[in-house]
N, C-alpha and C. Protein backbone atom coordinates (compact mmCIF):
# COMPACT_ATOMS: atom_id res chain seq x y z
N MET A 1 78.94 144.55 29.40
CA MET A 1 78.31 144.72 30.70
C MET A 1 78.34 143.29 31.39
N THR A 2 78.69 143.38 32.66
CA THR A 2 78.83 142.06 33.41
C THR A 2 77.43 141.57 33.71
N ASP A 3 77.35 140.25 33.47
CA ASP A 3 76.09 139.57 33.76
C ASP A 3 75.91 139.42 35.31
N PRO A 4 74.77 139.95 35.85
CA PRO A 4 74.51 139.93 37.29
C PRO A 4 74.60 138.58 37.85
N ALA A 5 74.17 137.57 37.18
CA ALA A 5 74.34 136.21 37.71
C ALA A 5 75.77 135.78 37.86
N SER A 6 76.60 136.17 36.85
CA SER A 6 78.01 135.82 36.89
C SER A 6 78.67 136.53 38.06
N TRP A 7 78.32 137.85 38.25
CA TRP A 7 78.96 138.72 39.26
C TRP A 7 78.55 138.13 40.65
N THR A 8 77.30 137.67 40.78
CA THR A 8 76.85 137.11 42.05
C THR A 8 77.62 135.80 42.32
N THR A 9 77.82 135.05 41.29
CA THR A 9 78.65 133.79 41.39
C THR A 9 80.06 134.09 41.86
N TYR A 10 80.58 135.12 41.25
CA TYR A 10 81.97 135.53 41.53
C TYR A 10 82.16 135.96 42.95
N VAL A 11 81.14 136.76 43.51
CA VAL A 11 81.22 137.23 44.81
C VAL A 11 81.08 136.02 45.76
N GLN A 12 80.16 135.22 45.53
CA GLN A 12 79.95 134.03 46.37
C GLN A 12 81.25 133.11 46.44
N THR A 13 81.87 132.98 45.18
CA THR A 13 83.10 132.15 45.08
C THR A 13 84.25 132.80 45.91
N ALA A 14 84.32 134.09 45.74
CA ALA A 14 85.39 134.84 46.44
C ALA A 14 85.17 134.83 48.00
N SER A 15 83.92 134.89 48.29
CA SER A 15 83.49 134.93 49.71
C SER A 15 83.86 133.52 50.29
N TRP A 16 83.53 132.47 49.52
CA TRP A 16 83.72 131.08 50.02
C TRP A 16 85.26 130.89 50.20
N ALA A 17 86.02 131.36 49.15
CA ALA A 17 87.46 131.19 49.15
C ALA A 17 88.12 131.96 50.31
N GLY A 18 87.61 133.11 50.58
CA GLY A 18 88.10 133.92 51.67
C GLY A 18 87.79 133.22 53.01
N GLY A 19 86.54 132.73 53.09
CA GLY A 19 86.19 132.05 54.28
C GLY A 19 87.06 130.83 54.57
N THR A 20 87.24 130.08 53.43
CA THR A 20 88.10 128.86 53.54
C THR A 20 89.57 129.23 53.98
N LEU A 21 90.09 130.35 53.40
CA LEU A 21 91.33 130.76 53.75
C LEU A 21 91.53 131.18 55.21
N THR A 22 90.46 131.94 55.60
CA THR A 22 90.36 132.38 57.02
C THR A 22 90.36 131.14 57.96
N ALA A 23 89.59 130.14 57.54
CA ALA A 23 89.40 128.96 58.39
C ALA A 23 90.75 128.16 58.42
N ALA A 24 91.37 128.15 57.30
CA ALA A 24 92.61 127.40 57.22
C ALA A 24 93.71 128.09 58.11
N VAL A 25 93.73 129.43 57.98
CA VAL A 25 94.70 130.25 58.82
C VAL A 25 94.38 130.05 60.31
N GLY A 26 93.10 130.03 60.62
CA GLY A 26 92.69 129.83 62.00
C GLY A 26 93.06 128.49 62.51
N ILE A 27 92.85 127.39 61.61
CA ILE A 27 93.31 126.08 62.08
C ILE A 27 94.85 126.01 62.27
N TRP A 28 95.53 126.54 61.43
CA TRP A 28 96.94 126.59 61.47
C TRP A 28 97.49 127.28 62.72
N LYS A 29 96.84 128.52 62.95
CA LYS A 29 97.22 129.27 64.16
C LYS A 29 96.84 128.51 65.42
N PHE A 30 95.68 127.78 65.39
CA PHE A 30 95.22 127.03 66.54
C PHE A 30 96.25 125.94 66.77
N GLY A 31 96.75 125.21 65.74
CA GLY A 31 97.65 124.22 65.87
C GLY A 31 99.00 124.69 66.39
N GLN A 32 99.48 125.92 65.94
CA GLN A 32 100.70 126.47 66.43
C GLN A 32 100.58 126.81 67.87
N ASP A 33 99.50 127.42 68.28
CA ASP A 33 99.25 127.82 69.62
C ASP A 33 99.27 126.55 70.52
N ASN A 34 98.51 125.56 70.02
CA ASN A 34 98.35 124.29 70.78
C ASN A 34 99.74 123.66 71.01
N ARG A 35 100.55 123.63 69.96
CA ARG A 35 101.92 123.14 70.07
C ARG A 35 102.74 123.82 71.08
N LYS A 36 102.62 125.15 70.96
CA LYS A 36 103.35 126.04 71.94
C LYS A 36 102.89 125.76 73.36
N SER A 37 101.57 125.69 73.59
CA SER A 37 101.01 125.39 74.89
C SER A 37 101.52 124.09 75.39
N ARG A 38 101.45 123.09 74.54
CA ARG A 38 101.86 121.70 74.94
C ARG A 38 103.27 121.72 75.31
N THR A 39 104.18 122.42 74.50
CA THR A 39 105.59 122.49 74.81
C THR A 39 105.83 123.19 76.13
N GLN A 40 105.03 124.26 76.35
CA GLN A 40 105.20 125.07 77.52
C GLN A 40 104.86 124.21 78.75
N ARG A 41 103.68 123.46 78.59
CA ARG A 41 103.27 122.61 79.64
C ARG A 41 104.31 121.47 79.95
N GLU A 42 104.93 120.91 78.87
CA GLU A 42 105.96 119.87 79.13
C GLU A 42 107.16 120.46 79.84
N LYS A 43 107.48 121.74 79.48
CA LYS A 43 108.64 122.39 80.15
C LYS A 43 108.31 122.65 81.60
N GLU A 44 107.05 123.11 81.84
CA GLU A 44 106.63 123.30 83.23
C GLU A 44 106.65 122.05 84.04
N ILE A 45 106.14 121.01 83.46
CA ILE A 45 106.09 119.66 84.12
C ILE A 45 107.51 119.21 84.46
N ASP A 46 108.49 119.30 83.41
CA ASP A 46 109.82 118.95 83.72
C ASP A 46 110.44 119.79 84.81
N ALA A 47 110.18 121.11 84.78
CA ALA A 47 110.67 121.97 85.81
C ALA A 47 110.17 121.59 87.20
N ARG A 48 108.90 121.22 87.26
CA ARG A 48 108.33 120.84 88.60
C ARG A 48 108.93 119.44 89.02
N LYS A 49 109.17 118.56 88.11
CA LYS A 49 109.82 117.32 88.40
C LYS A 49 111.24 117.48 88.94
N ASP A 50 111.94 118.40 88.29
CA ASP A 50 113.29 118.72 88.71
C ASP A 50 113.34 119.35 90.13
N ALA A 51 112.37 120.30 90.29
CA ALA A 51 112.26 121.01 91.59
C ALA A 51 111.93 120.02 92.74
N THR A 52 111.02 119.00 92.39
CA THR A 52 110.58 117.98 93.43
C THR A 52 111.77 117.07 93.69
N MET A 53 112.54 116.66 92.72
CA MET A 53 113.67 115.85 92.97
C MET A 53 114.74 116.59 93.81
N LEU A 54 114.92 117.76 93.50
CA LEU A 54 115.95 118.57 94.26
C LEU A 54 115.49 118.82 95.66
N ALA A 55 114.18 119.04 95.91
CA ALA A 55 113.62 119.22 97.26
C ALA A 55 113.81 117.90 98.01
N ALA A 56 113.60 116.77 97.38
CA ALA A 56 113.63 115.47 98.00
C ALA A 56 115.12 115.20 98.53
N ARG A 57 116.04 115.58 97.55
CA ARG A 57 117.45 115.31 97.86
C ARG A 57 117.84 116.25 99.07
N GLU A 58 117.37 117.47 99.01
CA GLU A 58 117.73 118.44 100.08
C GLU A 58 117.15 117.99 101.48
N LEU A 59 115.86 117.39 101.41
CA LEU A 59 115.21 116.85 102.63
C LEU A 59 115.97 115.70 103.08
N GLU A 60 116.37 114.74 102.25
CA GLU A 60 117.14 113.58 102.64
C GLU A 60 118.51 114.05 103.28
N TRP A 61 119.15 115.01 102.80
CA TRP A 61 120.41 115.58 103.24
C TRP A 61 120.23 116.14 104.64
N ARG A 62 119.12 116.86 104.76
CA ARG A 62 118.86 117.53 106.12
C ARG A 62 118.48 116.41 107.17
N ARG A 63 117.78 115.40 106.74
CA ARG A 63 117.47 114.33 107.73
C ARG A 63 118.68 113.52 108.08
N ALA A 64 119.56 113.26 107.12
CA ALA A 64 120.79 112.47 107.37
C ALA A 64 121.72 113.37 108.29
N ASN A 65 121.72 114.55 108.09
CA ASN A 65 122.58 115.41 108.93
C ASN A 65 122.06 115.52 110.34
N SER A 66 120.69 115.63 110.46
CA SER A 66 120.08 115.74 111.80
C SER A 66 120.29 114.38 112.55
N ALA A 67 120.22 113.20 111.82
CA ALA A 67 120.46 111.97 112.46
C ALA A 67 121.86 111.82 112.96
N GLN A 68 122.81 112.26 112.10
CA GLN A 68 124.19 112.27 112.49
C GLN A 68 124.45 113.08 113.68
N LEU A 69 123.88 114.24 113.82
CA LEU A 69 124.06 115.16 114.95
C LEU A 69 123.51 114.49 116.26
N VAL A 70 122.27 113.86 116.14
CA VAL A 70 121.65 113.36 117.33
C VAL A 70 122.47 112.09 117.81
N LEU A 71 123.01 111.27 116.92
CA LEU A 71 123.76 110.12 117.29
C LEU A 71 125.11 110.56 117.88
N GLU A 72 125.73 111.68 117.25
CA GLU A 72 126.99 112.02 117.82
C GLU A 72 126.84 112.66 119.24
N LYS A 73 125.68 113.30 119.46
CA LYS A 73 125.41 113.78 120.78
C LYS A 73 125.32 112.67 121.80
N MET A 74 124.64 111.60 121.39
CA MET A 74 124.43 110.51 122.28
C MET A 74 125.74 109.78 122.61
N GLU A 75 126.62 109.62 121.54
CA GLU A 75 127.91 108.90 121.66
C GLU A 75 128.95 109.74 122.41
N SER A 76 128.71 111.15 122.39
CA SER A 76 129.70 111.97 123.16
C SER A 76 129.33 112.15 124.64
N ASP A 77 128.15 111.55 125.03
CA ASP A 77 127.73 111.58 126.39
C ASP A 77 128.26 110.38 127.08
N GLU A 78 129.27 110.52 128.04
CA GLU A 78 129.99 109.48 128.62
C GLU A 78 129.14 108.55 129.32
N ALA A 79 128.12 109.10 130.09
CA ALA A 79 127.20 108.20 130.84
C ALA A 79 126.37 107.38 129.85
N ALA A 80 125.85 107.96 128.82
CA ALA A 80 125.10 107.07 127.87
C ALA A 80 125.93 106.09 127.27
N THR A 81 127.28 106.46 126.97
CA THR A 81 128.11 105.42 126.37
C THR A 81 128.38 104.26 127.33
N ASP A 82 128.55 104.58 128.60
CA ASP A 82 128.64 103.50 129.56
C ASP A 82 127.48 102.61 129.67
N ALA A 83 126.25 103.13 129.48
CA ALA A 83 125.06 102.37 129.47
C ALA A 83 125.09 101.46 128.26
N MET A 84 125.52 101.94 127.11
CA MET A 84 125.59 101.06 125.92
C MET A 84 126.58 99.92 126.17
N LEU A 85 127.63 100.23 126.78
CA LEU A 85 128.64 99.14 127.15
C LEU A 85 128.04 98.14 128.17
N MET A 86 127.25 98.61 129.00
CA MET A 86 126.61 97.67 130.00
C MET A 86 125.62 96.76 129.30
N LEU A 87 125.03 97.24 128.20
CA LEU A 87 124.14 96.33 127.46
C LEU A 87 124.89 95.38 126.72
N ASP A 88 126.10 95.67 126.34
CA ASP A 88 126.82 94.77 125.33
C ASP A 88 127.96 93.99 125.96
N TRP A 89 128.31 94.30 127.22
CA TRP A 89 129.46 93.60 127.84
C TRP A 89 129.08 93.08 129.16
N ASP A 90 129.76 92.10 129.70
CA ASP A 90 129.55 91.50 130.97
C ASP A 90 130.90 91.53 131.77
N GLY A 91 130.97 92.25 132.85
CA GLY A 91 132.20 92.26 133.62
C GLY A 91 133.16 93.42 133.34
N ARG A 92 132.75 94.49 132.65
CA ARG A 92 133.64 95.67 132.49
C ARG A 92 133.80 96.42 133.65
N GLU A 93 134.89 97.22 133.73
CA GLU A 93 135.12 98.08 134.81
C GLU A 93 134.61 99.57 134.40
N TYR A 94 134.05 100.21 135.42
CA TYR A 94 133.55 101.60 135.25
C TYR A 94 133.98 102.39 136.40
N SER A 95 133.97 103.67 136.14
CA SER A 95 134.44 104.57 137.32
C SER A 95 133.66 105.82 137.28
N SER A 96 133.44 106.48 138.43
CA SER A 96 132.83 107.70 138.57
C SER A 96 133.45 108.41 139.73
N ALA A 97 134.04 109.60 139.41
CA ALA A 97 134.77 110.37 140.43
C ALA A 97 135.97 109.45 140.92
N ASP A 98 136.05 109.09 142.21
CA ASP A 98 137.15 108.32 142.61
C ASP A 98 136.72 106.86 142.87
N GLN A 99 135.55 106.45 142.42
CA GLN A 99 135.00 105.16 142.60
C GLN A 99 135.19 104.32 141.41
N HIS A 100 135.43 103.09 141.64
CA HIS A 100 135.58 102.14 140.50
C HIS A 100 134.79 100.90 140.79
N TRP A 101 134.14 100.34 139.75
CA TRP A 101 133.35 99.09 139.93
C TRP A 101 133.55 98.24 138.70
N CYS A 102 133.52 96.89 138.95
CA CYS A 102 133.39 95.97 137.89
C CYS A 102 131.95 95.38 137.94
N LEU A 103 131.23 95.75 136.80
CA LEU A 103 129.77 95.41 136.83
C LEU A 103 129.51 94.33 135.79
N THR A 104 128.79 93.25 136.39
CA THR A 104 128.34 92.22 135.51
C THR A 104 126.96 92.55 135.04
N LYS A 105 126.46 91.86 134.05
CA LYS A 105 125.19 91.96 133.54
C LYS A 105 124.07 91.82 134.58
N ALA A 106 124.40 90.92 135.49
CA ALA A 106 123.39 90.69 136.64
C ALA A 106 123.34 91.89 137.54
N ASP A 107 124.46 92.59 137.74
CA ASP A 107 124.50 93.76 138.52
C ASP A 107 123.70 94.89 137.94
N VAL A 108 123.86 94.96 136.62
CA VAL A 108 123.04 96.04 135.89
C VAL A 108 121.56 95.80 135.99
N LEU A 109 121.16 94.57 135.77
CA LEU A 109 119.72 94.25 135.80
C LEU A 109 119.18 94.53 137.18
N THR A 110 119.94 94.13 138.22
CA THR A 110 119.49 94.30 139.59
C THR A 110 119.28 95.92 139.89
N ALA A 111 120.26 96.64 139.32
CA ALA A 111 120.23 98.10 139.61
C ALA A 111 119.08 98.77 138.97
N LEU A 112 118.49 98.20 137.96
CA LEU A 112 117.47 98.75 137.20
C LEU A 112 116.04 98.34 137.77
N ARG A 113 116.02 97.80 139.01
CA ARG A 113 114.79 97.44 139.65
C ARG A 113 113.94 98.75 139.99
N THR A 114 112.71 98.54 140.09
CA THR A 114 111.84 99.64 140.36
C THR A 114 111.27 99.70 141.76
N GLU A 115 111.61 98.73 142.49
CA GLU A 115 111.23 98.64 143.96
C GLU A 115 112.20 97.69 144.67
N GLY A 116 112.10 97.78 145.97
CA GLY A 116 113.05 96.86 146.70
C GLY A 116 114.01 97.71 147.66
N ALA A 117 115.13 97.17 147.87
CA ALA A 117 116.17 97.72 148.76
C ALA A 117 116.72 99.11 148.26
N PRO A 118 117.12 99.88 149.13
CA PRO A 118 117.84 101.18 148.74
C PRO A 118 119.02 100.80 147.87
N PHE A 119 119.38 101.81 146.94
CA PHE A 119 120.32 101.65 145.97
C PHE A 119 121.79 101.92 146.47
N GLU A 120 122.66 100.95 146.11
CA GLU A 120 124.06 101.16 146.40
C GLU A 120 124.69 102.10 145.43
N PRO A 121 125.84 102.73 145.82
CA PRO A 121 126.49 103.70 144.90
C PRO A 121 126.73 103.26 143.48
N GLN A 122 127.13 102.00 143.26
CA GLN A 122 127.29 101.51 141.89
C GLN A 122 125.89 101.39 141.20
N GLU A 123 124.91 101.06 141.93
CA GLU A 123 123.56 100.99 141.31
C GLU A 123 123.05 102.31 140.90
N ILE A 124 123.27 103.32 141.71
CA ILE A 124 122.93 104.74 141.34
C ILE A 124 123.65 105.14 140.03
N TYR A 125 124.94 104.75 139.95
CA TYR A 125 125.64 105.04 138.74
C TYR A 125 125.08 104.39 137.56
N VAL A 126 124.65 103.09 137.72
CA VAL A 126 124.01 102.39 136.53
C VAL A 126 122.71 103.08 136.15
N ARG A 127 121.92 103.42 137.10
CA ARG A 127 120.63 104.08 136.81
C ARG A 127 120.86 105.41 136.16
N ASP A 128 121.84 106.13 136.62
CA ASP A 128 122.12 107.49 135.96
C ASP A 128 122.51 107.30 134.52
N ALA A 129 123.36 106.28 134.30
CA ALA A 129 123.81 106.02 132.94
C ALA A 129 122.67 105.64 132.00
N PHE A 130 121.77 104.82 132.47
CA PHE A 130 120.62 104.52 131.66
C PHE A 130 119.64 105.68 131.45
N ASP A 131 119.49 106.47 132.51
CA ASP A 131 118.75 107.75 132.38
C ASP A 131 119.20 108.60 131.19
N HIS A 132 120.57 108.67 131.13
CA HIS A 132 121.19 109.48 130.09
C HIS A 132 120.84 108.81 128.72
N LEU A 133 120.98 107.49 128.58
CA LEU A 133 120.84 106.82 127.37
C LEU A 133 119.39 106.91 126.98
N PHE A 134 118.39 106.75 127.83
CA PHE A 134 117.04 106.80 127.55
C PHE A 134 116.52 108.23 127.18
N TRP A 135 117.22 109.20 127.76
CA TRP A 135 116.92 110.62 127.37
C TRP A 135 117.21 110.74 125.87
N HIS A 136 118.31 110.27 125.49
CA HIS A 136 118.67 110.35 123.99
C HIS A 136 117.68 109.53 123.13
N PHE A 137 117.21 108.47 123.61
CA PHE A 137 116.20 107.66 122.94
C PHE A 137 114.94 108.55 122.81
N GLU A 138 114.57 109.17 123.84
CA GLU A 138 113.32 110.10 123.80
C GLU A 138 113.54 111.12 122.78
N ARG A 139 114.72 111.74 122.70
CA ARG A 139 115.03 112.81 121.69
C ARG A 139 114.89 112.29 120.31
N ILE A 140 115.47 111.06 120.10
CA ILE A 140 115.39 110.43 118.73
C ILE A 140 114.00 110.15 118.34
N GLN A 141 113.13 109.63 119.20
CA GLN A 141 111.73 109.40 118.89
C GLN A 141 111.04 110.64 118.60
N HIS A 142 111.27 111.72 119.36
CA HIS A 142 110.62 112.99 119.08
C HIS A 142 110.98 113.46 117.63
N GLN A 143 112.27 113.35 117.24
CA GLN A 143 112.61 113.73 115.84
C GLN A 143 112.06 112.88 114.82
N ILE A 144 111.77 111.59 115.17
CA ILE A 144 111.07 110.82 114.19
C ILE A 144 109.61 111.20 114.12
N ASP A 145 109.03 111.54 115.19
CA ASP A 145 107.62 112.00 115.27
C ASP A 145 107.38 113.27 114.35
N VAL A 146 108.33 114.16 114.43
CA VAL A 146 108.17 115.45 113.55
C VAL A 146 108.80 115.34 112.18
N GLU A 147 109.14 114.06 111.90
CA GLU A 147 109.74 113.71 110.57
C GLU A 147 111.00 114.47 110.19
N LEU A 148 111.76 114.83 111.31
CA LEU A 148 113.05 115.45 111.01
C LEU A 148 114.10 114.31 110.67
N ILE A 149 113.83 113.14 111.16
CA ILE A 149 114.70 111.96 110.71
C ILE A 149 113.73 110.78 110.57
N THR A 150 114.24 109.68 109.95
CA THR A 150 113.46 108.50 109.82
C THR A 150 114.15 107.34 110.65
N PRO A 151 113.42 106.24 110.94
CA PRO A 151 114.00 105.12 111.64
C PRO A 151 115.30 104.60 110.89
N GLU A 152 115.17 104.63 109.57
CA GLU A 152 116.31 104.08 108.77
C GLU A 152 117.60 104.84 108.98
N HIS A 153 117.47 106.18 109.33
CA HIS A 153 118.73 106.96 109.58
C HIS A 153 119.40 106.59 110.85
N VAL A 154 118.71 106.03 111.84
CA VAL A 154 119.28 105.64 113.07
C VAL A 154 119.20 104.19 113.36
N LYS A 155 119.00 103.42 112.27
CA LYS A 155 118.86 101.96 112.32
C LYS A 155 120.13 101.35 113.16
N PHE A 156 121.26 101.90 112.91
CA PHE A 156 122.39 101.50 113.69
C PHE A 156 123.02 102.79 114.37
N PRO A 157 123.12 102.78 115.69
CA PRO A 157 123.08 101.66 116.57
C PRO A 157 121.81 101.34 117.31
N ILE A 158 120.85 102.24 117.05
CA ILE A 158 119.57 102.09 117.87
C ILE A 158 118.95 100.64 117.83
N GLY A 159 118.81 100.14 116.56
CA GLY A 159 118.25 98.76 116.45
C GLY A 159 119.03 97.81 117.24
N TYR A 160 120.38 97.93 117.16
CA TYR A 160 121.27 96.92 117.90
C TYR A 160 121.03 96.99 119.36
N LEU A 161 121.02 98.31 119.85
CA LEU A 161 120.84 98.46 121.38
C LEU A 161 119.48 97.92 121.81
N LEU A 162 118.47 98.17 121.07
CA LEU A 162 117.14 97.66 121.45
C LEU A 162 117.10 96.18 121.35
N ALA A 163 117.82 95.57 120.44
CA ALA A 163 117.85 94.09 120.39
C ALA A 163 118.58 93.56 121.62
N LEU A 164 119.59 94.30 122.10
CA LEU A 164 120.25 93.81 123.33
C LEU A 164 119.32 93.97 124.51
N MET A 165 118.50 95.04 124.54
CA MET A 165 117.45 95.15 125.63
C MET A 165 116.48 94.10 125.53
N GLN A 166 116.18 93.59 124.40
CA GLN A 166 115.15 92.50 124.15
C GLN A 166 115.41 91.30 124.89
N GLU A 167 116.78 91.08 125.21
CA GLU A 167 117.20 89.82 125.92
C GLU A 167 116.42 89.73 127.27
N ARG A 168 116.43 90.92 127.97
CA ARG A 168 115.67 91.00 129.30
C ARG A 168 114.73 92.09 129.28
N HIS A 169 113.77 91.99 128.26
CA HIS A 169 112.84 93.14 128.03
C HIS A 169 111.97 93.43 129.20
N GLU A 170 111.70 92.39 130.09
CA GLU A 170 110.84 92.69 131.21
C GLU A 170 111.46 93.69 132.13
N VAL A 171 112.83 93.56 132.31
CA VAL A 171 113.46 94.54 133.23
C VAL A 171 113.44 95.98 132.64
N TYR A 172 113.87 96.12 131.39
CA TYR A 172 114.00 97.41 130.82
C TYR A 172 112.64 97.92 130.53
N GLU A 173 111.60 97.21 130.17
CA GLU A 173 110.32 97.75 129.98
C GLU A 173 109.72 98.16 131.34
N GLY A 174 109.97 97.43 132.40
CA GLY A 174 109.48 97.82 133.70
C GLY A 174 110.09 99.23 134.19
N PHE A 175 111.42 99.39 133.85
CA PHE A 175 112.05 100.68 134.14
C PHE A 175 111.50 101.83 133.34
N LEU A 176 111.31 101.62 132.06
CA LEU A 176 110.79 102.68 131.13
C LEU A 176 109.40 103.04 131.55
N LYS A 177 108.50 102.10 131.92
CA LYS A 177 107.17 102.38 132.33
C LYS A 177 107.08 103.09 133.59
N ALA A 178 108.00 102.60 134.62
CA ALA A 178 107.91 103.24 135.92
C ALA A 178 108.33 104.68 135.89
N TYR A 179 109.24 105.08 135.00
CA TYR A 179 109.71 106.37 134.98
C TYR A 179 109.31 107.22 133.68
N CYS A 180 108.19 106.72 133.14
CA CYS A 180 107.51 107.47 132.10
C CYS A 180 108.41 107.81 130.88
N TYR A 181 109.19 106.85 130.45
CA TYR A 181 109.88 107.04 129.19
C TYR A 181 109.05 106.59 128.04
N ASP A 182 107.99 107.30 127.77
CA ASP A 182 106.90 107.00 126.75
C ASP A 182 107.57 106.92 125.38
N GLY A 183 108.51 107.94 125.05
CA GLY A 183 109.12 107.95 123.79
C GLY A 183 110.00 106.80 123.52
N CYS A 184 110.64 106.29 124.65
CA CYS A 184 111.55 105.10 124.50
C CYS A 184 110.68 103.86 124.14
N ILE A 185 109.61 103.77 124.84
CA ILE A 185 108.68 102.68 124.60
C ILE A 185 108.14 102.60 123.22
N ARG A 186 107.77 103.79 122.64
CA ARG A 186 107.26 103.81 121.29
C ARG A 186 108.40 103.56 120.32
N LEU A 187 109.63 103.99 120.57
CA LEU A 187 110.83 103.74 119.74
C LEU A 187 111.06 102.25 119.71
N TRP A 188 110.96 101.61 120.78
CA TRP A 188 111.20 100.15 120.88
C TRP A 188 110.11 99.40 120.07
N ALA A 189 108.86 99.84 120.23
CA ALA A 189 107.76 99.19 119.51
C ALA A 189 107.94 99.40 117.99
N LEU A 190 108.39 100.60 117.62
CA LEU A 190 108.54 100.88 116.15
C LEU A 190 109.64 100.02 115.62
N PHE A 191 110.78 99.83 116.27
CA PHE A 191 111.79 98.96 115.78
C PHE A 191 111.46 97.47 115.81
N ARG A 192 110.70 97.10 116.84
CA ARG A 192 110.22 95.72 116.89
C ARG A 192 109.42 95.48 115.61
N GLY A 193 108.50 96.43 115.34
CA GLY A 193 107.67 96.21 114.15
C GLY A 193 108.43 96.12 112.86
N ARG A 194 109.58 96.77 112.90
CA ARG A 194 110.44 96.73 111.62
C ARG A 194 111.29 95.55 111.54
N GLY A 195 111.45 94.90 112.79
CA GLY A 195 112.38 93.76 112.87
C GLY A 195 113.69 94.10 113.43
N LEU A 196 113.93 93.63 114.69
CA LEU A 196 115.15 93.90 115.32
C LEU A 196 116.25 92.98 114.72
N PRO A 197 117.43 93.38 114.78
CA PRO A 197 118.57 92.57 114.24
C PRO A 197 118.76 91.33 115.12
N ARG A 198 119.30 90.30 114.49
CA ARG A 198 119.64 89.11 115.26
C ARG A 198 121.02 89.27 115.83
N ILE A 199 121.09 88.91 117.15
CA ILE A 199 122.35 89.07 117.82
C ILE A 199 122.56 87.79 118.64
N HIS A 200 123.85 87.62 119.13
CA HIS A 200 124.10 86.55 120.05
C HIS A 200 123.45 86.81 121.36
N VAL A 201 122.86 85.90 121.95
CA VAL A 201 122.18 85.99 123.22
C VAL A 201 123.06 86.40 124.30
N ASP A 202 124.29 85.78 124.40
CA ASP A 202 125.31 86.09 125.44
C ASP A 202 125.99 87.36 125.17
N SER A 203 126.22 88.13 126.23
CA SER A 203 126.99 89.35 126.13
C SER A 203 128.45 89.06 125.97
N GLU A 204 129.19 89.99 125.42
CA GLU A 204 130.62 89.87 125.40
C GLU A 204 131.10 89.81 126.83
N LYS A 205 132.03 89.00 127.09
CA LYS A 205 132.61 88.85 128.43
C LYS A 205 134.09 89.29 128.47
N VAL A 206 134.39 89.93 129.60
CA VAL A 206 135.80 90.39 129.74
C VAL A 206 136.58 89.34 130.52
N VAL A 207 137.68 88.94 129.97
CA VAL A 207 138.58 87.93 130.64
C VAL A 207 139.49 88.74 131.51
N ARG A 208 139.29 88.59 132.88
CA ARG A 208 140.20 89.24 133.80
C ARG A 208 141.34 88.40 134.08
N LEU A 209 142.51 89.06 134.28
CA LEU A 209 143.78 88.41 134.54
C LEU A 209 143.72 87.52 135.75
N ASP A 210 143.00 87.99 136.79
CA ASP A 210 142.99 87.08 138.05
C ASP A 210 141.99 85.98 137.92
N GLN A 211 141.34 85.88 136.78
CA GLN A 211 140.44 84.76 136.53
C GLN A 211 141.07 83.71 135.63
N VAL A 212 142.23 84.05 135.05
CA VAL A 212 142.91 83.14 134.15
C VAL A 212 143.68 82.15 134.95
N ARG A 213 143.37 80.88 134.72
CA ARG A 213 144.07 79.77 135.49
C ARG A 213 145.55 79.76 135.09
N GLN A 214 146.40 79.77 136.05
CA GLN A 214 147.85 79.72 135.79
C GLN A 214 148.24 78.29 135.53
N PRO A 215 149.17 78.15 134.59
CA PRO A 215 149.55 76.72 134.23
C PRO A 215 150.26 76.15 135.48
N THR A 216 150.01 74.87 135.65
CA THR A 216 150.68 74.13 136.76
C THR A 216 152.16 73.92 136.36
N GLN A 217 152.90 73.96 137.34
CA GLN A 217 154.39 73.67 137.11
C GLN A 217 154.62 72.19 137.03
């Protein structure tokens, strides 16, 4: 006959062993679940990182494409292109309909006055050309405002053109303020803050054949 004390000890021992086994299994299962959860979290984090990088690349591509389109539109505008040439050159010939003019830098600056004598036909042409150019500047600033593009995307040629305007900033600023080109003013201030490129102060000059001294016989 089994000793009650021994039986009690056996039951207690078995119970303790069972409890220990259950605890060990629980700890092992917890470790497994924890490792699985950690692995899953790491996979999710990696997936989010990949998705973020992909989204950033796609955003950069869209911005670069938008910048290219807005610059191409500006460069395909003949009047705006003439205004860019007027900023960069002194003494080039321009034409509109059946009229032709050779415009110096002084002619351009005079044409952009905001008061004074009535405008001559060539001055109206100059003003129209800069209206076209500044309209494109307004559009570029708007796209920067809505984060469709960044200043870096249009650094050239916009920074260069604004640096040319800086030579006689009082004339161009007066024109922009008088005709409410607020976007252009903000665009100029933005690029000034980022640092305008250094350029030669003198504009390129066209050497005309009738100005070339003929050699003496």
